[in-house]
Amino acid sequence: MMAVLQNKSTNVNLVPNLEVAKTFWSRGKGLLGRKNLSEDAALWIHQCNSIHTCFMQFSIDCVFVDKNLKVKAIYKDVKPWRMVFPVWGASSVIEMAAGTSSKLNISVGDQLYVGA
């Protein structure tokens, strides 16, 4: 399923190609097996407040959000073979290419929105 990620706090469209991982299989696979991720794409993993980048081939930015899509934490340039431990209050994570969260000016506390 593809969707669009918007920042309601700044009224800016962030990611036009947001892939949504809701199933056990899609959440477990995440970005594994991909060689890269374009700046106009991201993966939203439901029911996820921590991540690992074992077996990944590129660095990512991780935007952790609560159940209302309010940004709780941002981890930038997470390299392969790293872990991000549980983020208090987060219920899902949006993974994007390294450097993208800075280019899009996403900040902790921003209210995000996912639409079709």
PDB file of N, CA and C in Angstrom:
ATOM      1  N   MET A   1       0.843  -1.182   0.000  1.00  0.00           N
ATOM      2  CA  MET A   1       0.000   0.000   0.000  1.00  0.00           C
ATOM      3  C   MET A   1       0.888   1.245   0.000  1.00  0.00           C
ATOM      4  N   MET A   2       0.617   2.182  -0.896  1.00  0.00           N
ATOM      5  CA  MET A   2       1.366   3.448  -0.939  1.00  0.00           C
ATOM      6  C   MET A   2       0.489   4.573  -0.409  1.00  0.00           C
ATOM      7  N   ALA A   3       1.114   5.524   0.231  1.00  0.00           N
ATOM      8  CA  ALA A   3       0.421   6.676   0.792  1.00  0.00           C
ATOM      9  C   ALA A   3       1.336   7.895   0.646  1.00  0.00           C
ATOM     10  N   VAL A   4       0.877   9.030   1.178  1.00  0.00           N
ATOM     11  CA  VAL A   4       1.634  10.279   1.144  1.00  0.00           C
ATOM     12  C   VAL A   4       1.848  10.735   2.585  1.00  0.00           C
ATOM     13  N   LEU A   5       3.082  11.138   2.926  1.00  0.00           N
ATOM     14  CA  LEU A   5       3.398  11.632   4.255  1.00  0.00           C
ATOM     15  C   LEU A   5       3.446  13.149   4.222  1.00  0.00           C
ATOM     16  N   GLN A   6       2.721  13.762   5.157  1.00  0.00           N
ATOM     17  CA  GLN A   6       2.682  15.221   5.250  1.00  0.00           C
ATOM     18  C   GLN A   6       3.051  15.658   6.660  1.00  0.00           C
ATOM     19  N   ASN A   7       3.581  16.874   6.770  1.00  0.00           N
ATOM     20  CA  ASN A   7       3.860  17.485   8.060  1.00  0.00           C
ATOM     21  C   ASN A   7       2.783  18.534   8.298  1.00  0.00           C
ATOM     22  N   LYS A   8       1.855  18.245   9.189  1.00  0.00           N
ATOM     23  CA  LYS A   8       0.758  19.183   9.479  1.00  0.00           C
ATOM     24  C   LYS A   8       1.253  20.391  10.262  1.00  0.00           C
ATOM     25  N   SER A   9       2.365  20.248  10.981  1.00  0.00           N
ATOM     26  CA  SER A   9       2.904  21.372  11.757  1.00  0.00           C
ATOM     27  C   SER A   9       3.431  22.473  10.846  1.00  0.00           C
ATOM     28  N   THR A  10       4.009  22.072   9.698  1.00  0.00           N
ATOM     29  CA  THR A  10       4.576  23.059   8.771  1.00  0.00           C
ATOM     30  C   THR A  10       3.788  23.144   7.472  1.00  0.00           C
ATOM     31  N   ASN A  11       2.745  22.300   7.346  1.00  0.00           N
ATOM     32  CA  ASN A  11       1.897  22.271   6.155  1.00  0.00           C
ATOM     33  C   ASN A  11       2.706  21.983   4.886  1.00  0.00           C
ATOM     34  N   VAL A  12       3.580  20.970   4.972  1.00  0.00           N
ATOM     35  CA  VAL A  12       4.454  20.604   3.858  1.00  0.00           C
ATOM     36  C   VAL A  12       4.264  19.126   3.527  1.00  0.00           C
ATOM     37  N   ASN A  13       4.185  18.808   2.245  1.00  0.00           N
ATOM     38  CA  ASN A  13       4.212  17.409   1.810  1.00  0.00           C
ATOM     39  C   ASN A  13       5.650  16.923   1.924  1.00  0.00           C
ATOM     40  N   LEU A  14       5.857  15.804   2.611  1.00  0.00           N
ATOM     41  CA  LEU A  14       7.204  15.306   2.867  1.00  0.00           C
ATOM     42  C   LEU A  14       7.618  14.196   1.911  1.00  0.00           C
ATOM     43  N   VAL A  15       6.821  13.143   1.856  1.00  0.00           N
ATOM     44  CA  VAL A  15       7.179  11.951   1.082  1.00  0.00           C
ATOM     45  C   VAL A  15       5.988  11.530   0.228  1.00  0.00           C
ATOM     46  N   PRO A  16       6.111  11.629  -1.100  1.00  0.00           N
ATOM     47  CA  PRO A  16       4.994  11.246  -1.965  1.00  0.00           C
ATOM     48  C   PRO A  16       4.814   9.737  -2.113  1.00  0.00           C
ATOM     49  N   ASN A  17       5.834   8.964  -1.792  1.00  0.00           N
ATOM     50  CA  ASN A  17       5.780   7.502  -1.954  1.00  0.00           C
ATOM     51  C   ASN A  17       6.058   6.814  -0.626  1.00  0.00           C
ATOM     52  N   LEU A  18       5.052   6.806   0.242  1.00  0.00           N
ATOM     53  CA  LEU A  18       5.192   6.173   1.551  1.00  0.00           C
ATOM     54  C   LEU A  18       4.627   4.759   1.476  1.00  0.00           C
ATOM     55  N   GLU A  19       5.517   3.794   1.645  1.00  0.00           N
ATOM     56  CA  GLU A  19       5.108   2.393   1.674  1.00  0.00           C
ATOM     57  C   GLU A  19       4.733   2.055   3.117  1.00  0.00           C
ATOM     58  N   VAL A  20       3.644   1.330   3.293  1.00  0.00           N
ATOM     59  CA  VAL A  20       3.158   1.002   4.632  1.00  0.00           C
ATOM     60  C   VAL A  20       3.353  -0.481   4.906  1.00  0.00           C
ATOM     61  N   ALA A  21       4.044  -0.794   6.007  1.00  0.00           N
ATOM     62  CA  ALA A  21       4.286  -2.180   6.411  1.00  0.00           C
ATOM     63  C   ALA A  21       3.423  -2.486   7.630  1.00  0.00           C
ATOM     64  N   LYS A  22       2.328  -3.224   7.406  1.00  0.00           N
ATOM     65  CA  LYS A  22       1.406  -3.553   8.491  1.00  0.00           C
ATOM     66  C   LYS A  22       1.434  -5.021   8.871  1.00  0.00           C
ATOM     67  N   THR A  23       1.746  -5.888   7.924  1.00  0.00           N
ATOM     68  CA  THR A  23       1.705  -7.318   8.202  1.00  0.00           C
ATOM     69  C   THR A  23       2.973  -7.772   8.915  1.00  0.00           C
ATOM     70  N   PHE A  24       2.891  -8.915   9.550  1.00  0.00           N
ATOM     71  CA  PHE A  24       4.055  -9.471  10.242  1.00  0.00           C
ATOM     72  C   PHE A  24       5.240  -9.603   9.287  1.00  0.00           C
ATOM     73  N   TRP A  25       4.986 -10.129   8.091  1.00  0.00           N
ATOM     74  CA  TRP A  25       6.049 -10.350   7.104  1.00  0.00           C
ATOM     75  C   TRP A  25       6.651  -9.026   6.628  1.00  0.00           C
ATOM     76  N   SER A  26       5.815  -8.050   6.259  1.00  0.00           N
ATOM     77  CA  SER A  26       6.335  -6.783   5.733  1.00  0.00           C
ATOM     78  C   SER A  26       7.057  -5.975   6.809  1.00  0.00           C
ATOM     79  N   ARG A  27       6.583  -6.072   8.045  1.00  0.00           N
ATOM     80  CA  ARG A  27       7.268  -5.380   9.143  1.00  0.00           C
ATOM     81  C   ARG A  27       8.622  -6.030   9.420  1.00  0.00           C
ATOM     82  N   GLY A  28       8.669  -7.351   9.381  1.00  0.00           N
ATOM     83  CA  GLY A  28       9.918  -8.063   9.636  1.00  0.00           C
ATOM     84  C   GLY A  28      10.954  -7.842   8.548  1.00  0.00           C
ATOM     85  N   LYS A  29      10.503  -7.775   7.313  1.00  0.00           N
ATOM     86  CA  LYS A  29      11.421  -7.582   6.186  1.00  0.00           C
ATOM     87  C   LYS A  29      11.929  -6.150   6.128  1.00  0.00           C
ATOM     88  N   GLY A  30      11.059  -5.202   6.369  1.00  0.00           N
ATOM     89  CA  GLY A  30      11.465  -3.792   6.337  1.00  0.00           C
ATOM     90  C   GLY A  30      12.135  -3.420   5.029  1.00  0.00           C
ATOM     91  N   LEU A  31      13.317  -2.853   5.115  1.00  0.00           N
ATOM     92  CA  LEU A  31      14.080  -2.438   3.931  1.00  0.00           C
ATOM     93  C   LEU A  31      15.146  -3.460   3.535  1.00  0.00           C
ATOM     94  N   LEU A  32      15.141  -4.615   4.174  1.00  0.00           N
ATOM     95  CA  LEU A  32      16.141  -5.639   3.856  1.00  0.00           C
ATOM     96  C   LEU A  32      16.031  -6.067   2.402  1.00  0.00           C
ATOM     97  N   GLY A  33      17.174  -6.255   1.780  1.00  0.00           N
ATOM     98  CA  GLY A  33      17.219  -6.691   0.392  1.00  0.00           C
ATOM     99  C   GLY A  33      17.268  -5.554  -0.614  1.00  0.00           C
ATOM    100  N   ARG A  34      17.085  -4.337  -0.154  1.00  0.00           N
ATOM    101  CA  ARG A  34      17.150  -3.191  -1.063  1.00  0.00           C
ATOM    102  C   ARG A  34      18.563  -2.632  -1.080  1.00  0.00           C
ATOM    103  N   LYS A  35      18.942  -2.083  -2.210  1.00  0.00           N
ATOM    104  CA  LYS A  35      20.286  -1.494  -2.346  1.00  0.00           C
ATOM    105  C   LYS A  35      20.295  -0.024  -1.933  1.00  0.00           C
ATOM    106  N   ASN A  36      19.135   0.626  -1.999  1.00  0.00           N
ATOM    107  CA  ASN A  36      19.031   2.036  -1.600  1.00  0.00           C
ATOM    108  C   ASN A  36      17.563   2.399  -1.455  1.00  0.00           C
ATOM    109  N   LEU A  37      17.315   3.652  -1.116  1.00  0.00           N
ATOM    110  CA  LEU A  37      15.968   4.187  -0.978  1.00  0.00           C
ATOM    111  C   LEU A  37      16.016   5.617  -1.481  1.00  0.00           C
ATOM    112  N   SER A  38      15.179   5.967  -2.432  1.00  0.00           N
ATOM    113  CA  SER A  38      15.195   7.327  -2.979  1.00  0.00           C
ATOM    114  C   SER A  38      14.655   8.322  -1.952  1.00  0.00           C
ATOM    115  N   GLU A  39      14.983   9.590  -2.137  1.00  0.00           N
ATOM    116  CA  GLU A  39      14.573  10.620  -1.188  1.00  0.00           C
ATOM    117  C   GLU A  39      13.073  10.884  -1.217  1.00  0.00           C
ATOM    118  N   ASP A  40      12.389  10.450  -2.275  1.00  0.00           N
ATOM    119  CA  ASP A  40      10.937  10.679  -2.334  1.00  0.00           C
ATOM    120  C   ASP A  40      10.155   9.458  -1.851  1.00  0.00           C
ATOM    121  N   ALA A  41      10.856   8.520  -1.201  1.00  0.00           N
ATOM    122  CA  ALA A  41      10.215   7.311  -0.710  1.00  0.00           C
ATOM    123  C   ALA A  41      10.594   7.070   0.751  1.00  0.00           C
ATOM    124  N   ALA A  42       9.707   6.355   1.449  1.00  0.00           N
ATOM    125  CA  ALA A  42       9.972   5.983   2.839  1.00  0.00           C
ATOM    126  C   ALA A  42       9.137   4.747   3.163  1.00  0.00           C
ATOM    127  N   LEU A  43       9.468   4.108   4.280  1.00  0.00           N
ATOM    128  CA  LEU A  43       8.733   2.943   4.742  1.00  0.00           C
ATOM    129  C   LEU A  43       8.221   3.224   6.147  1.00  0.00           C
ATOM    130  N   TRP A  44       6.907   3.097   6.330  1.00  0.00           N
ATOM    131  CA  TRP A  44       6.264   3.293   7.628  1.00  0.00           C
ATOM    132  C   TRP A  44       5.989   1.917   8.216  1.00  0.00           C
ATOM    133  N   ILE A  45       6.679   1.576   9.303  1.00  0.00           N
ATOM    134  CA  ILE A  45       6.531   0.273   9.934  1.00  0.00           C
ATOM    135  C   ILE A  45       5.656   0.414  11.179  1.00  0.00           C
ATOM    136  N   HIS A  46       4.486  -0.212  11.138  1.00  0.00           N
ATOM    137  CA  HIS A  46       3.550  -0.182  12.259  1.00  0.00           C
ATOM    138  C   HIS A  46       4.035  -1.073  13.395  1.00  0.00           C
ATOM    139  N   GLN A  47       3.539  -0.808  14.597  1.00  0.00           N
ATOM    140  CA  GLN A  47       3.844  -1.592  15.788  1.00  0.00           C
ATOM    141  C   GLN A  47       5.343  -1.801  15.959  1.00  0.00           C
ATOM    142  N   CYS A  48       6.083  -0.701  15.932  1.00  0.00           N
ATOM    143  CA  CYS A  48       7.538  -0.792  15.967  1.00  0.00           C
ATOM    144  C   CYS A  48       8.111   0.423  16.690  1.00  0.00           C
ATOM    145  N   ASN A  49       8.740   0.202  17.858  1.00  0.00           N
ATOM    146  CA  ASN A  49       9.347   1.331  18.571  1.00  0.00           C
ATOM    147  C   ASN A  49      10.860   1.185  18.709  1.00  0.00           C
ATOM    148  N   SER A  50      11.427   0.170  18.022  1.00  0.00           N
ATOM    149  CA  SER A  50      12.876   0.012  17.961  1.00  0.00           C
ATOM    150  C   SER A  50      13.207  -0.676  16.641  1.00  0.00           C
ATOM    151  N   ILE A  51      14.443  -0.499  16.162  1.00  0.00           N
ATOM    152  CA  ILE A  51      14.819  -1.096  14.883  1.00  0.00           C
ATOM    153  C   ILE A  51      16.260  -1.594  14.942  1.00  0.00           C
ATOM    154  N   HIS A  52      16.603  -2.423  13.971  1.00  0.00           N
ATOM    155  CA  HIS A  52      17.991  -2.796  13.747  1.00  0.00           C
ATOM    156  C   HIS A  52      18.269  -2.646  12.254  1.00  0.00           C
ATOM    157  N   THR A  53      19.530  -2.475  11.917  1.00  0.00           N
ATOM    158  CA  THR A  53      19.908  -2.354  10.510  1.00  0.00           C
ATOM    159  C   THR A  53      20.856  -3.485  10.103  1.00  0.00           C
ATOM    160  N   CYS A  54      20.736  -4.616  10.786  1.00  0.00           N
ATOM    161  CA  CYS A  54      21.545  -5.782  10.426  1.00  0.00           C
ATOM    162  C   CYS A  54      21.189  -6.222   9.012  1.00  0.00           C
ATOM    163  N   PHE A  55      22.199  -6.540   8.240  1.00  0.00           N
ATOM    164  CA  PHE A  55      22.078  -7.001   6.853  1.00  0.00           C
ATOM    165  C   PHE A  55      21.659  -5.906   5.870  1.00  0.00           C
ATOM    166  N   MET A  56      21.512  -4.665   6.330  1.00  0.00           N
ATOM    167  CA  MET A  56      21.158  -3.583   5.401  1.00  0.00           C
ATOM    168  C   MET A  56      22.397  -3.117   4.650  1.00  0.00           C
ATOM    169  N   GLN A  57      22.171  -2.509   3.486  1.00  0.00           N
ATOM    170  CA  GLN A  57      23.272  -2.099   2.625  1.00  0.00           C
ATOM    171  C   GLN A  57      23.454  -0.584   2.572  1.00  0.00           C
ATOM    172  N   PHE A  58      22.659   0.157   3.341  1.00  0.00           N
ATOM    173  CA  PHE A  58      22.759   1.611   3.310  1.00  0.00           C
ATOM    174  C   PHE A  58      22.273   2.190   4.640  1.00  0.00           C
ATOM    175  N   SER A  59      22.635   3.439   4.898  1.00  0.00           N
ATOM    176  CA  SER A  59      22.225   4.134   6.120  1.00  0.00           C
ATOM    177  C   SER A  59      20.836   4.729   5.952  1.00  0.00           C
ATOM    178  N   ILE A  60      20.141   4.897   7.074  1.00  0.00           N
ATOM    179  CA  ILE A  60      18.787   5.443   7.039  1.00  0.00           C
ATOM    180  C   ILE A  60      18.577   6.464   8.153  1.00  0.00           C
ATOM    181  N   ASP A  61      17.552   7.286   7.988  1.00  0.00           N
ATOM    182  CA  ASP A  61      17.033   8.133   9.053  1.00  0.00           C
ATOM    183  C   ASP A  61      15.775   7.451   9.575  1.00  0.00           C
ATOM    184  N   CYS A  62      15.569   7.486  10.881  1.00  0.00           N
ATOM    185  CA  CYS A  62      14.403   6.858  11.509  1.00  0.00           C
ATOM    186  C   CYS A  62      13.620   7.915  12.276  1.00  0.00           C
ATOM    187  N   VAL A  63      12.366   8.085  11.891  1.00  0.00           N
ATOM    188  CA  VAL A  63      11.482   9.042  12.554  1.00  0.00           C
ATOM    189  C   VAL A  63      10.452   8.233  13.337  1.00  0.00           C
ATOM    190  N   PHE A  64      10.581   8.243  14.662  1.00  0.00           N
ATOM    191  CA  PHE A  64       9.668   7.499  15.519  1.00  0.00           C
ATOM    192  C   PHE A  64       8.485   8.389  15.889  1.00  0.00           C
ATOM    193  N   VAL A  65       7.277   7.830  15.748  1.00  0.00           N
ATOM    194  CA  VAL A  65       6.057   8.591  16.018  1.00  0.00           C
ATOM    195  C   VAL A  65       5.161   7.817  16.986  1.00  0.00           C
ATOM    196  N   ASP A  66       4.301   8.565  17.692  1.00  0.00           N
ATOM    197  CA  ASP A  66       3.347   7.914  18.582  1.00  0.00           C
ATOM    198  C   ASP A  66       2.102   7.515  17.787  1.00  0.00           C
ATOM    199  N   LYS A  67       1.083   7.027  18.465  1.00  0.00           N
ATOM    200  CA  LYS A  67      -0.114   6.524  17.776  1.00  0.00           C
ATOM    201  C   LYS A  67      -0.865   7.620  17.034  1.00  0.00           C
ATOM    202  N   ASN A  68      -0.628   8.880  17.393  1.00  0.00           N
ATOM    203  CA  ASN A  68      -1.271  10.017  16.710  1.00  0.00           C
ATOM    204  C   ASN A  68      -0.364  10.646  15.658  1.00  0.00           C
ATOM    205  N   LEU A  69       0.777  10.024  15.393  1.00  0.00           N
ATOM    206  CA  LEU A  69       1.785  10.471  14.424  1.00  0.00           C
ATOM    207  C   LEU A  69       2.511  11.742  14.837  1.00  0.00           C
ATOM    208  N   LYS A  70       2.635  11.962  16.120  1.00  0.00           N
ATOM    209  CA  LYS A  70       3.459  13.061  16.630  1.00  0.00           C
ATOM    210  C   LYS A  70       4.880  12.530  16.767  1.00  0.00           C
ATOM    211  N   VAL A  71       5.854  13.274  16.246  1.00  0.00           N
ATOM    212  CA  VAL A  71       7.249  12.828  16.242  1.00  0.00           C
ATOM    213  C   VAL A  71       7.801  12.810  17.672  1.00  0.00           C
ATOM    214  N   LYS A  72       8.260  11.617  18.081  1.00  0.00           N
ATOM    215  CA  LYS A  72       8.825  11.430  19.420  1.00  0.00           C
ATOM    216  C   LYS A  72      10.348  11.497  19.415  1.00  0.00           C
ATOM    217  N   ALA A  73      10.971  10.986  18.343  1.00  0.00           N
ATOM    218  CA  ALA A  73      12.439  10.963  18.263  1.00  0.00           C
ATOM    219  C   ALA A  73      12.853  10.791  16.807  1.00  0.00           C
ATOM    220  N   ILE A  74      14.047  11.311  16.501  1.00  0.00           N
ATOM    221  CA  ILE A  74      14.620  11.164  15.165  1.00  0.00           C
ATOM    222  C   ILE A  74      16.052  10.668  15.323  1.00  0.00           C
ATOM    223  N   TYR A  75      16.362   9.573  14.653  1.00  0.00           N
ATOM    224  CA  TYR A  75      17.723   9.049  14.626  1.00  0.00           C
ATOM    225  C   TYR A  75      18.227   9.214  13.200  1.00  0.00           C
ATOM    226  N   LYS A  76      19.292   9.985  13.041  1.00  0.00           N
ATOM    227  CA  LYS A  76      19.812  10.306  11.715  1.00  0.00           C
ATOM    228  C   LYS A  76      21.024   9.449  11.362  1.00  0.00           C
ATOM    229  N   ASP A  77      21.111   9.104  10.085  1.00  0.00           N
ATOM    230  CA  ASP A  77      22.264   8.392   9.532  1.00  0.00           C
ATOM    231  C   ASP A  77      22.603   7.123  10.328  1.00  0.00           C
ATOM    232  N   VAL A  78      21.596   6.293  10.546  1.00  0.00           N
ATOM    233  CA  VAL A  78      21.808   5.020  11.235  1.00  0.00           C
ATOM    234  C   VAL A  78      22.458   4.057  10.242  1.00  0.00           C
ATOM    235  N   LYS A  79      23.670   3.697  10.519  1.00  0.00           N
ATOM    236  CA  LYS A  79      24.455   2.875   9.601  1.00  0.00           C
ATOM    237  C   LYS A  79      24.084   1.395   9.708  1.00  0.00           C
ATOM    238  N   PRO A  80      24.445   0.597   8.703  1.00  0.00           N
ATOM    239  CA  PRO A  80      24.203  -0.852   8.787  1.00  0.00           C
ATOM    240  C   PRO A  80      24.847  -1.461  10.036  1.00  0.00           C
ATOM    241  N   TRP A  81      24.208  -2.496  10.539  1.00  0.00           N
ATOM    242  CA  TRP A  81      24.653  -3.246  11.698  1.00  0.00           C
ATOM    243  C   TRP A  81      24.583  -2.455  12.997  1.00  0.00           C
ATOM    244  N   ARG A  82      23.550  -1.624  13.115  1.00  0.00           N
ATOM    245  CA  ARG A  82      23.315  -0.857  14.338  1.00  0.00           C
ATOM    246  C   ARG A  82      21.938  -1.212  14.907  1.00  0.00           C
ATOM    247  N   MET A  83      21.728  -0.837  16.171  1.00  0.00           N
ATOM    248  CA  MET A  83      20.421  -0.994  16.806  1.00  0.00           C
ATOM    249  C   MET A  83      19.969   0.343  17.350  1.00  0.00           C
ATOM    250  N   VAL A  84      18.673   0.599  17.247  1.00  0.00           N
ATOM    251  CA  VAL A  84      18.063   1.730  17.934  1.00  0.00           C
ATOM    252  C   VAL A  84      17.123   1.105  18.958  1.00  0.00           C
ATOM    253  N   PHE A  85      17.407   1.344  20.224  1.00  0.00           N
ATOM    254  CA  PHE A  85      16.638   0.743  21.304  1.00  0.00           C
ATOM    255  C   PHE A  85      15.265   1.396  21.404  1.00  0.00           C
ATOM    256  N   PRO A  86      14.331   0.771  22.120  1.00  0.00           N
ATOM    257  CA  PRO A  86      12.950   1.271  22.165  1.00  0.00           C
ATOM    258  C   PRO A  86      12.854   2.765  22.513  1.00  0.00           C
ATOM    259  N   VAL A  87      12.005   3.437  21.762  1.00  0.00           N
ATOM    260  CA  VAL A  87      11.735   4.863  21.978  1.00  0.00           C
ATOM    261  C   VAL A  87      10.461   4.967  22.800  1.00  0.00           C
ATOM    262  N   TRP A  88      10.579   5.564  23.973  1.00  0.00           N
ATOM    263  CA  TRP A  88       9.450   5.688  24.883  1.00  0.00           C
ATOM    264  C   TRP A  88       8.309   6.454  24.211  1.00  0.00           C
ATOM    265  N   GLY A  89       7.124   5.860  24.181  1.00  0.00           N
ATOM    266  CA  GLY A  89       5.944   6.519  23.639  1.00  0.00           C
ATOM    267  C   GLY A  89       5.748   6.339  22.146  1.00  0.00           C
ATOM    268  N   ALA A  90       6.718   5.770  21.463  1.00  0.00           N
ATOM    269  CA  ALA A  90       6.588   5.565  20.012  1.00  0.00           C
ATOM    270  C   ALA A  90       5.805   4.288  19.737  1.00  0.00           C
ATOM    271  N   SER A  91       4.995   4.318  18.671  1.00  0.00           N
ATOM    272  CA  SER A  91       4.248   3.120  18.288  1.00  0.00           C
ATOM    273  C   SER A  91       4.591   2.669  16.874  1.00  0.00           C
ATOM    274  N   SER A  92       5.285   3.513  16.120  1.00  0.00           N
ATOM    275  CA  SER A  92       5.708   3.136  14.767  1.00  0.00           C
ATOM    276  C   SER A  92       6.908   3.985  14.362  1.00  0.00           C
ATOM    277  N   VAL A  93       7.528   3.585  13.238  1.00  0.00           N
ATOM    278  CA  VAL A  93       8.717   4.294  12.760  1.00  0.00           C
ATOM    279  C   VAL A  93       8.597   4.501  11.255  1.00  0.00           C
ATOM    280  N   ILE A  94       9.089   5.627  10.805  1.00  0.00           N
ATOM    281  CA  ILE A  94       9.164   5.916   9.378  1.00  0.00           C
ATOM    282  C   ILE A  94      10.634   5.937   9.013  1.00  0.00           C
ATOM    283  N   GLU A  95      11.035   4.993   8.136  1.00  0.00           N
ATOM    284  CA  GLU A  95      12.426   4.887   7.717  1.00  0.00           C
ATOM    285  C   GLU A  95      12.588   5.546   6.358  1.00  0.00           C
ATOM    286  N   MET A  96      13.621   6.390   6.247  1.00  0.00           N
ATOM    287  CA  MET A  96      13.890   7.106   4.995  1.00  0.00           C
ATOM    288  C   MET A  96      15.384   7.145   4.747  1.00  0.00           C
ATOM    289  N   ALA A  97      15.757   7.517   3.535  1.00  0.00           N
ATOM    290  CA  ALA A  97      17.172   7.590   3.176  1.00  0.00           C
ATOM    291  C   ALA A  97      17.907   8.532   4.134  1.00  0.00           C
ATOM    292  N   ALA A  98      19.148   8.204   4.445  1.00  0.00           N
ATOM    293  CA  ALA A  98      19.960   9.034   5.338  1.00  0.00           C
ATOM    294  C   ALA A  98      20.032  10.459   4.800  1.00  0.00           C
ATOM    295  N   GLY A  99      19.826  11.429   5.681  1.00  0.00           N
ATOM    296  CA  GLY A  99      19.873  12.841   5.319  1.00  0.00           C
ATOM    297  C   GLY A  99      18.520  13.428   4.954  1.00  0.00           C
ATOM    298  N   THR A 100      17.545  12.576   4.700  1.00  0.00           N
ATOM    299  CA  THR A 100      16.236  13.056   4.258  1.00  0.00           C
ATOM    300  C   THR A 100      15.489  13.805   5.355  1.00  0.00           C
ATOM    301  N   SER A 101      15.550  13.336   6.591  1.00  0.00           N
ATOM    302  CA  SER A 101      14.815  14.013   7.666  1.00  0.00           C
ATOM    303  C   SER A 101      15.323  15.438   7.872  1.00  0.00           C
ATOM    304  N   SER A 102      16.623  15.662   7.697  1.00  0.00           N
ATOM    305  CA  SER A 102      17.172  17.016   7.810  1.00  0.00           C
ATOM    306  C   SER A 102      16.733  17.882   6.633  1.00  0.00           C
ATOM    307  N   LYS A 103      16.801  17.329   5.419  1.00  0.00           N
ATOM    308  CA  LYS A 103      16.389  18.089   4.234  1.00  0.00           C
ATOM    309  C   LYS A 103      14.925  18.486   4.304  1.00  0.00           C
ATOM    310  N   LEU A 104      14.112  17.635   4.927  1.00  0.00           N
ATOM    311  CA  LEU A 104      12.678  17.909   5.039  1.00  0.00           C
ATOM    312  C   LEU A 104      12.335  18.714   6.290  1.00  0.00           C
ATOM    313  N   ASN A 105      13.339  19.030   7.108  1.00  0.00           N
ATOM    314  CA  ASN A 105      13.165  19.821   8.335  1.00  0.00           C
ATOM    315  C   ASN A 105      12.152  19.209   9.301  1.00  0.00           C
ATOM    316  N   ILE A 106      12.205  17.895   9.459  1.00  0.00           N
ATOM    317  CA  ILE A 106      11.335  17.226  10.423  1.00  0.00           C
ATOM    318  C   ILE A 106      11.935  17.408  11.808  1.00  0.00           C
ATOM    319  N   SER A 107      11.093  17.775  12.775  1.00  0.00           N
ATOM    320  CA  SER A 107      11.560  18.020  14.135  1.00  0.00           C
ATOM    321  C   SER A 107      10.738  17.216  15.138  1.00  0.00           C
ATOM    322  N   VAL A 108      11.344  16.910  16.285  1.00  0.00           N
ATOM    323  CA  VAL A 108      10.612  16.271  17.380  1.00  0.00           C
ATOM    324  C   VAL A 108       9.455  17.203  17.753  1.00  0.00           C
ATOM    325  N   GLY A 109       8.279  16.635  17.917  1.00  0.00           N
ATOM    326  CA  GLY A 109       7.087  17.414  18.242  1.00  0.00           C
ATOM    327  C   GLY A 109       6.211  17.728  17.045  1.00  0.00           C
ATOM    328  N   ASP A 110       6.737  17.583  15.827  1.00  0.00           N
ATOM    329  CA  ASP A 110       5.939  17.830  14.620  1.00  0.00           C
ATOM    330  C   ASP A 110       4.780  16.852  14.553  1.00  0.00           C
ATOM    331  N   GLN A 111       3.658  17.323  14.037  1.00  0.00           N
ATOM    332  CA  GLN A 111       2.485  16.486  13.827  1.00  0.00           C
ATOM    333  C   GLN A 111       2.454  16.053  12.378  1.00  0.00           C
ATOM    334  N   LEU A 112       2.605  14.757  12.141  1.00  0.00           N
ATOM    335  CA  LEU A 112       2.597  14.229  10.787  1.00  0.00           C
ATOM    336  C   LEU A 112       1.214  13.692  10.435  1.00  0.00           C
ATOM    337  N   TYR A 113       0.994  13.458   9.164  1.00  0.00           N
ATOM    338  CA  TYR A 113      -0.287  12.945   8.661  1.00  0.00           C
ATOM    339  C   TYR A 113      -0.015  12.046   7.471  1.00  0.00           C
ATOM    340  N   VAL A 114      -0.716  10.936   7.401  1.00  0.00           N
ATOM    341  CA  VAL A 114      -0.598  10.028   6.271  1.00  0.00           C
ATOM    342  C   VAL A 114      -1.941  10.007   5.542  1.00  0.00           C
ATOM    343  N   GLY A 115      -1.889  10.306   4.238  1.00  0.00           N
ATOM    344  CA  GLY A 115      -3.088  10.298   3.412  1.00  0.00           C
ATOM    345  C   GLY A 115      -2.849   9.532   2.130  1.00  0.00           C
ATOM    346  N   ALA A 116      -3.916   9.408   1.370  1.00  0.00           N
ATOM    347  CA  ALA A 116      -3.826   8.658   0.106  1.00  0.00           C
ATOM    348  C   ALA A 116      -3.328   9.541  -1.018  1.00  0.00           C
TER     349      ALA A 116
END
